[in-house]
Amino acid sequence: MASPLEMTEMYDNALLGILQHVGNIQEFLQVYFGFLYRKTDFYRLLSNPNDRMGFPPGVAEKMVLKTFKLFERVAEQDKERHLRELQQREETTTVPPVVQELEVKSEIQQETLEQNTEAAAAESSPPGAVEPSSSATSKPATSPQPHGSSPAQPSQGDQANAASTNSAKPVQEQFQSNPDSYNGAVRENYSWSQDYSDVEVRVFVPKTVVKGRQVSVSLQTSSVRVCVREGAEEKVLLEGELTHKINTENSLWSLEPGHCVVLSLSKCGEVWWNAVLKGEKEIDINQINRERSMATVDDEEHAVLDRLTFDYHQKLQGKPQSHEMKVHEMLKKGWDAEGSPFKGQQFDPSMFDIPPSAVQF
């Protein structure tokens, strides 16, 4: 599977033409999202369980943010690589070492400095002031904490606890209503969601974790490990063997400071996961939305779906379908040709019974 950059480079000429035509990024984005509005189910919301097209509230927006974060991470990696190259070039530039550094003061300068120091000390000490002894050194005052109180820290399992205490709805239905656990679940220290081709895992972190260097993430084909550094120690938040293999080249991670580490995992196969890690509680994939969104369909499949939709409407209206129209065009060319028995007559498509298998698209 191609990397995100390689996939987008395929369409550079077409997109560059649109951008040059509209003149600025804002107009370009309006063209792009206008296309999604008019030609896909991107802005269609699922209002009841029987709906087969659209997204639950918040999921489409989450897809946009996920893509933004993906290329934001790519940009950060490019910047870091550029800084490393600059640093390497600077290190290769040799500077002659200093042989000896001397500080020279004249006797007059030394005497003037001592006199100024004594005068400043005399002015700052009021009459009768007594220097405190070393045993009476002041200490910073600390306000007493109320008995039994401690800084409020949200539990990483709050979402899971809230889901388990609400028995009014089935558990999976509660997960489906949350974009962070759509087609997935909420667990003790993370939540996960999935679509046809990707899995997103949000690993909760302490509020003190605000920098990427405080996080260590290892994404392997069959395993994952997420740690945070607290001082000199390293705390493991998530570790285990994945239930299915991932494409590590197209998988990445990012940090939402003080909230969570977001793992964007690219599936190797088009299969619905019932859990992230082996040995953990599984979900019932029969209770999730396994319909494939139009946003995940490639150009070739999109063309087939468009043709099938066109044929369906043509059949309802009693009009020729796409395979019949293609054969009719070929027949018309020979209908009035020299030597044709039908020359001079009006073309009659009803004379031909054309099965769909007769035409290859």
Protein backbone atom coordinates (compact mmCIF):
# COMPACT_ATOMS: atom_id res chain seq x y z
CA MET A 1 0.00 0.00 0.00
CA ALA A 2 1.32 3.44 -0.94
CA SER A 3 2.16 6.03 1.71
CA PRO A 4 -0.19 9.01 2.24
CA LEU A 5 2.22 11.33 0.40
CA GLU A 6 2.53 8.98 -2.58
CA MET A 7 -1.24 8.60 -2.78
CA THR A 8 -1.85 12.36 -2.81
CA GLU A 9 0.97 13.09 -5.28
CA MET A 10 -0.98 11.13 -7.91
CA TYR A 11 -3.56 13.94 -8.03
CA ASP A 12 -1.20 16.92 -7.77
CA ASN A 13 -1.76 18.14 -11.34
CA ALA A 14 -5.56 18.06 -11.07
CA LEU A 15 -5.62 19.67 -7.62
CA LEU A 16 -3.04 22.27 -8.61
CA GLY A 17 -5.23 23.25 -11.54
CA ILE A 18 -8.20 23.76 -9.22
CA LEU A 19 -6.11 25.74 -6.73
CA GLN A 20 -4.72 28.02 -9.45
CA HIS A 21 -8.22 28.55 -10.77
CA VAL A 22 -9.83 29.56 -7.44
CA GLY A 23 -6.75 31.46 -6.26
CA ASN A 24 -6.58 30.68 -2.51
CA ILE A 25 -6.75 27.85 0.04
CA GLN A 26 -10.12 28.88 1.51
CA GLU A 27 -11.88 28.72 -1.86
CA PHE A 28 -10.11 25.45 -2.63
CA LEU A 29 -11.44 23.90 0.59
CA GLN A 30 -14.95 25.09 -0.27
CA VAL A 31 -14.68 23.35 -3.65
CA TYR A 32 -13.47 20.16 -1.98
CA PHE A 33 -16.11 20.01 0.74
CA GLY A 34 -18.77 21.11 -1.73
CA PHE A 35 -17.92 18.03 -3.77
CA LEU A 36 -18.29 15.84 -0.67
CA TYR A 37 -21.67 17.45 0.02
CA ARG A 38 -23.02 17.00 -3.51
CA LYS A 39 -21.53 13.65 -4.53
CA THR A 40 -21.12 11.59 -1.34
CA ASP A 41 -22.90 10.77 1.93
CA PHE A 42 -20.26 12.69 3.92
CA TYR A 43 -22.75 15.19 5.35
CA ARG A 44 -25.61 12.73 5.76
CA LEU A 45 -26.36 11.76 9.38
CA LEU A 46 -27.59 8.36 10.50
CA SER A 47 -30.92 9.08 12.17
CA ASN A 48 -32.04 5.51 12.88
CA PRO A 49 -30.53 1.99 12.89
CA ASN A 50 -32.08 1.15 9.51
CA ASP A 51 -30.16 3.87 7.65
CA ARG A 52 -27.52 2.44 5.30
CA MET A 53 -25.77 5.63 4.26
CA GLY A 54 -24.19 8.43 6.23
CA PHE A 55 -22.30 8.84 9.49
CA PRO A 56 -23.23 9.19 13.18
CA PRO A 57 -22.92 12.72 14.58
CA GLY A 58 -19.29 13.78 14.92
CA VAL A 59 -17.73 10.95 12.89
CA ALA A 60 -17.33 12.88 9.63
CA GLU A 61 -15.73 15.78 11.50
CA LYS A 62 -13.43 13.32 13.23
CA MET A 63 -12.32 11.93 9.85
CA VAL A 64 -11.31 15.43 8.72
CA LEU A 65 -9.38 16.07 11.94
CA LYS A 66 -7.68 12.68 11.66
CA THR A 67 -6.45 13.50 8.15
CA PHE A 68 -5.27 16.94 9.29
CA LYS A 69 -3.33 15.37 12.18
CA LEU A 70 -1.78 12.82 9.82
CA PHE A 71 -0.17 15.46 7.61
CA GLU A 72 0.59 17.68 10.59
CA ARG A 73 2.71 14.84 11.90
CA VAL A 74 4.38 14.45 8.49
CA ALA A 75 5.20 18.18 8.52
CA GLU A 76 6.68 17.90 12.03
CA GLN A 77 8.86 14.99 10.94
CA ASP A 78 10.11 17.02 7.96
CA LYS A 79 10.93 19.93 10.28
CA GLU A 80 12.78 17.67 12.73
CA ARG A 81 14.78 16.11 9.89
CA HIS A 82 15.70 19.56 8.59
CA LEU A 83 16.87 20.66 12.05
CA ARG A 84 18.99 17.51 12.40
CA GLU A 85 20.64 18.19 9.05
CA LEU A 86 21.41 21.77 10.09
CA GLN A 87 22.87 20.58 13.38
CA GLN A 88 25.04 18.01 11.62
CA ARG A 89 26.37 20.67 9.25
CA GLU A 90 27.18 22.97 12.17
CA GLU A 91 29.00 20.18 14.00
CA THR A 92 31.16 19.46 10.97
CA THR A 93 32.33 23.09 10.90
CA THR A 94 35.47 23.00 13.08
CA VAL A 95 36.29 25.96 15.34
CA PRO A 96 39.86 26.24 16.73
CA PRO A 97 39.75 25.53 20.48
CA VAL A 98 40.65 28.26 22.97
CA VAL A 99 44.19 27.77 24.25
CA GLN A 100 43.86 29.81 27.45
CA GLU A 101 41.46 32.42 28.78
CA LEU A 102 42.73 35.01 31.27
CA GLU A 103 40.85 37.66 33.22
CA VAL A 104 43.07 40.61 34.18
CA LYS A 105 42.09 43.26 36.73
CA SER A 106 44.21 46.19 37.77
CA GLU A 107 44.83 46.96 41.45
CA ILE A 108 42.87 50.23 41.17
CA GLN A 109 39.82 48.41 39.75
CA GLN A 110 40.00 45.82 42.54
CA GLU A 111 40.12 48.47 45.29
CA THR A 112 37.22 50.44 43.74
CA LEU A 113 35.10 47.27 43.56
CA GLU A 114 35.73 46.44 47.25
CA GLN A 115 34.84 50.01 48.33
CA ASN A 116 31.59 49.97 46.35
CA THR A 117 30.62 46.62 47.89
CA GLU A 118 31.21 47.86 51.45
CA ALA A 119 29.21 51.07 50.80
CA ALA A 120 26.26 49.15 49.38
CA ALA A 121 26.24 46.77 52.36
CA ALA A 122 26.26 49.70 54.83
CA GLU A 123 23.33 51.43 53.12
CA SER A 124 21.17 48.30 52.99
CA SER A 125 21.59 47.50 56.71
CA PRO A 126 19.37 49.68 58.99
CA PRO A 127 20.74 50.69 62.44
CA GLY A 128 20.30 47.99 65.05
CA ALA A 129 19.67 45.29 62.50
CA VAL A 130 20.93 41.88 63.49
CA GLU A 131 21.94 39.29 60.94
CA PRO A 132 19.97 36.08 61.32
CA SER A 133 21.94 33.03 62.31
CA SER A 134 22.10 30.00 60.12
CA SER A 135 19.73 28.15 62.46
CA ALA A 136 17.02 30.76 61.95
CA THR A 137 17.02 30.59 58.16
CA SER A 138 13.50 31.19 56.90
CA LYS A 139 11.66 28.51 54.98
CA PRO A 140 8.93 29.02 52.40
CA ALA A 141 5.53 28.89 54.04
CA THR A 142 3.19 26.15 53.00
CA SER A 143 -0.53 26.39 53.41
CA PRO A 144 -2.04 23.39 55.21
CA GLN A 145 -4.13 21.04 53.14
CA PRO A 146 -7.55 20.08 54.45
CA HIS A 147 -7.63 16.63 55.97
CA GLY A 148 -8.17 13.96 53.34
CA SER A 149 -8.05 16.35 50.38
CA SER A 150 -5.90 15.80 47.31
CA PRO A 151 -5.63 17.39 43.86
CA ALA A 152 -8.54 16.31 41.70
CA GLN A 153 -7.42 14.04 38.91
CA PRO A 154 -9.92 12.54 36.47
CA SER A 155 -9.85 8.79 36.32
CA GLN A 156 -8.76 7.30 33.03
CA GLY A 157 -11.65 4.84 33.26
CA ASP A 158 -14.38 7.47 33.62
CA GLN A 159 -15.74 6.79 30.15
CA ALA A 160 -15.80 3.04 30.73
CA ASN A 161 -17.47 3.46 34.14
CA ALA A 162 -20.10 5.77 32.68
CA ALA A 163 -20.85 3.25 29.97
CA SER A 164 -21.19 0.37 32.43
CA THR A 165 -23.46 2.26 34.85
CA ASN A 166 -25.92 3.32 32.17
CA SER A 167 -28.04 0.20 31.71
CA ALA A 168 -30.82 1.93 29.82
CA LYS A 169 -29.16 1.12 26.47
CA PRO A 170 -27.22 -1.92 25.26
CA VAL A 171 -23.48 -1.47 25.78
CA GLN A 172 -22.58 -1.45 22.08
CA GLU A 173 -25.32 1.09 21.35
CA GLN A 174 -23.70 3.42 23.89
CA PHE A 175 -20.35 2.94 22.15
CA GLN A 176 -21.94 3.69 18.76
CA SER A 177 -23.20 7.06 20.01
CA ASN A 178 -19.65 8.21 20.85
CA PRO A 179 -17.34 9.13 17.92
CA ASP A 180 -14.30 7.96 19.93
CA SER A 181 -15.75 4.44 20.28
CA TYR A 182 -17.82 4.19 17.07
CA ASN A 183 -17.66 0.57 15.84
CA GLY A 184 -15.35 -0.06 18.80
CA ALA A 185 -15.44 0.24 22.58
CA VAL A 186 -14.28 2.10 25.69
CA ARG A 187 -11.84 0.27 27.93
CA GLU A 188 -10.16 1.10 31.26
CA ASN A 189 -7.32 3.21 29.90
CA TYR A 190 -8.22 3.73 26.23
CA SER A 191 -11.04 3.94 23.71
CA TRP A 192 -11.01 2.71 20.13
CA SER A 193 -13.02 3.08 16.95
CA GLN A 194 -12.72 1.75 13.41
CA ASP A 195 -13.89 2.06 9.84
CA TYR A 196 -13.38 -0.09 6.77
CA SER A 197 -9.64 0.51 6.50
CA ASP A 198 -8.37 2.05 9.77
CA VAL A 199 -8.45 1.69 13.55
CA GLU A 200 -8.04 4.66 15.89
CA VAL A 201 -6.95 4.10 19.50
CA ARG A 202 -7.02 6.95 22.04
CA VAL A 203 -4.79 6.11 25.03
CA PHE A 204 -5.52 8.35 28.03
CA VAL A 205 -2.51 10.17 29.54
CA PRO A 206 -2.03 12.31 32.69
CA LYS A 207 -2.62 16.04 32.37
CA THR A 208 1.10 16.64 32.93
CA VAL A 209 1.96 14.95 29.63
CA VAL A 210 2.01 17.87 27.19
CA LYS A 211 5.14 17.27 25.07
CA GLY A 212 5.86 14.60 22.49
CA ARG A 213 9.21 13.83 24.11
CA GLN A 214 7.32 12.65 27.22
CA VAL A 215 5.77 9.85 25.17
CA SER A 216 7.31 6.69 23.74
CA VAL A 217 5.32 4.74 21.13
CA SER A 218 6.30 1.53 19.37
CA LEU A 219 4.11 0.40 16.46
CA GLN A 220 5.00 -3.04 15.12
CA THR A 221 3.17 -5.16 12.55
CA SER A 222 1.59 -7.35 15.26
CA SER A 223 2.11 -5.41 18.50
CA VAL A 224 1.88 -1.99 20.11
CA ARG A 225 3.45 -0.30 23.15
CA VAL A 226 2.67 3.15 24.57
CA CYS A 227 4.64 4.60 27.50
CA VAL A 228 4.92 7.99 29.22
CA ARG A 229 7.97 9.30 31.04
CA GLU A 230 7.43 10.60 34.57
CA GLY A 231 10.77 11.92 35.73
CA ALA A 232 13.35 9.18 35.42
CA GLU A 233 10.71 6.43 35.32
CA GLU A 234 8.74 5.09 32.37
CA LYS A 235 5.10 4.06 32.83
CA VAL A 236 3.48 1.63 30.38
CA LEU A 237 -0.07 2.67 29.44
CA LEU A 238 -0.80 0.16 26.68
CA GLU A 239 1.10 -2.93 25.58
CA GLY A 240 0.17 -6.16 23.88
CA GLU A 241 -0.27 -8.20 20.73
CA LEU A 242 -2.73 -6.86 18.16
CA THR A 243 -5.66 -9.02 17.06
CA HIS A 244 -4.82 -8.27 13.41
CA LYS A 245 -1.75 -7.05 11.56
CA ILE A 246 -1.28 -3.38 10.66
CA ASN A 247 0.61 -1.54 7.94
CA THR A 248 3.29 0.30 9.91
CA GLU A 249 4.27 2.55 6.98
CA ASN A 250 0.82 4.15 6.93
CA SER A 251 0.28 4.07 10.70
CA LEU A 252 1.24 6.97 12.94
CA TRP A 253 0.61 8.55 16.34
CA SER A 254 0.06 12.03 17.73
CA LEU A 255 -0.40 13.62 21.15
CA GLU A 256 -3.38 15.63 22.33
CA PRO A 257 -1.59 17.43 25.21
CA GLY A 258 -2.87 16.49 28.65
CA HIS A 259 -5.57 14.24 27.18
CA CYS A 260 -4.51 11.24 25.11
CA VAL A 261 -2.11 9.66 22.63
CA VAL A 262 -3.93 9.02 19.33
CA LEU A 263 -2.83 5.91 17.41
CA SER A 264 -3.97 5.84 13.78
CA LEU A 265 -3.51 2.23 12.68
CA SER A 266 -3.82 1.23 9.02
CA LYS A 267 -5.35 -2.22 8.57
CA CYS A 268 -3.49 -4.75 6.44
CA GLY A 269 -6.74 -6.44 5.46
CA GLU A 270 -10.28 -5.20 5.03
CA VAL A 271 -11.64 -6.96 8.11
CA TRP A 272 -13.68 -5.69 11.05
CA TRP A 273 -11.83 -5.99 14.38
CA ASN A 274 -13.57 -7.32 17.49
CA ALA A 275 -10.80 -6.09 19.83
CA VAL A 276 -7.53 -4.16 19.69
CA LEU A 277 -5.38 -6.47 21.82
CA LYS A 278 -5.53 -10.24 22.08
CA GLY A 279 -6.97 -11.48 25.37
CA GLU A 280 -9.13 -8.40 25.96
CA LYS A 281 -12.91 -8.27 25.96
CA GLU A 282 -14.31 -8.55 22.44
CA ILE A 283 -17.21 -6.66 20.89
CA ASP A 284 -19.98 -8.24 18.82
CA ILE A 285 -19.28 -7.10 15.26
CA ASN A 286 -22.86 -7.99 14.35
CA GLN A 287 -23.96 -4.99 16.44
CA ILE A 288 -21.74 -2.41 14.69
CA ASN A 289 -22.27 -0.56 11.42
CA ARG A 290 -20.40 -2.65 8.87
CA GLU A 291 -21.63 -0.70 5.88
CA ARG A 292 -18.78 0.66 3.80
CA SER A 293 -18.86 4.44 3.55
CA MET A 294 -18.59 6.08 0.14
CA ALA A 295 -15.59 7.99 1.49
CA THR A 296 -13.57 4.72 1.58
CA VAL A 297 -14.43 3.65 -1.97
CA ASP A 298 -11.72 4.13 -4.61
CA ASP A 299 -12.31 5.66 -8.05
CA GLU A 300 -12.80 2.35 -9.86
CA GLU A 301 -15.34 1.04 -7.36
CA HIS A 302 -17.03 4.44 -7.29
CA ALA A 303 -17.51 4.26 -11.07
CA VAL A 304 -19.09 0.80 -10.79
CA LEU A 305 -21.49 2.01 -8.09
CA ASP A 306 -22.43 5.04 -10.18
CA ARG A 307 -23.13 2.80 -13.18
CA LEU A 308 -25.26 0.42 -11.13
CA THR A 309 -27.24 3.33 -9.70
CA PHE A 310 -27.75 4.74 -13.21
CA ASP A 311 -28.89 1.35 -14.53
CA TYR A 312 -31.33 0.96 -11.66
CA HIS A 313 -33.03 4.29 -12.40
CA GLN A 314 -33.02 3.61 -16.16
CA LYS A 315 -34.70 0.24 -15.60
CA LEU A 316 -37.40 1.81 -13.43
CA GLN A 317 -38.17 4.26 -16.23
CA GLY A 318 -38.11 1.59 -18.95
CA LYS A 319 -35.07 3.15 -20.62
CA PRO A 320 -31.90 1.43 -21.96
CA GLN A 321 -29.29 0.56 -19.37
CA SER A 322 -25.59 1.38 -19.73
CA HIS A 323 -24.62 -1.93 -21.37
CA GLU A 324 -27.47 -1.60 -23.86
CA MET A 325 -26.59 2.01 -24.65
CA LYS A 326 -23.00 1.02 -25.38
CA VAL A 327 -24.07 -1.71 -27.84
CA HIS A 328 -26.64 0.60 -29.44
CA GLU A 329 -23.90 3.15 -30.18
CA MET A 330 -21.86 0.50 -31.97
CA LEU A 331 -24.88 -0.76 -33.92
CA LYS A 332 -25.85 2.72 -35.06
CA LYS A 333 -22.48 3.11 -36.78
CA GLY A 334 -23.21 0.10 -39.03
CA TRP A 335 -26.97 0.71 -39.36
CA ASP A 336 -26.66 3.16 -42.27
CA ALA A 337 -23.36 1.84 -43.59
CA GLU A 338 -23.03 0.97 -47.26
CA GLY A 339 -24.50 -2.47 -47.92
CA SER A 340 -26.52 -2.58 -44.70
CA PRO A 341 -30.04 -4.02 -45.12
CA PHE A 342 -31.27 -1.37 -42.66
CA LYS A 343 -29.90 1.62 -44.54
CA GLY A 344 -32.45 4.43 -44.70
CA GLN A 345 -34.57 2.97 -41.91
CA GLN A 346 -34.91 4.43 -38.42
CA PHE A 347 -32.79 2.67 -35.81
CA ASP A 348 -34.97 0.42 -33.64
CA PRO A 349 -33.25 -0.68 -30.37
CA SER A 350 -36.18 -2.99 -29.50
CA MET A 351 -34.94 -5.41 -32.18
CA PHE A 352 -32.02 -6.37 -29.98
CA ASP A 353 -31.99 -8.27 -26.70
CA ILE A 354 -28.65 -7.45 -25.09
CA PRO A 355 -27.67 -9.25 -21.84
CA PRO A 356 -25.38 -7.38 -19.39
CA SER A 357 -22.67 -10.02 -19.88
CA ALA A 358 -22.35 -9.02 -23.53
CA VAL A 359 -20.50 -5.84 -22.60
CA GLN A 360 -17.32 -5.50 -20.60
CA PHE A 361 -16.70 -2.15 -18.91
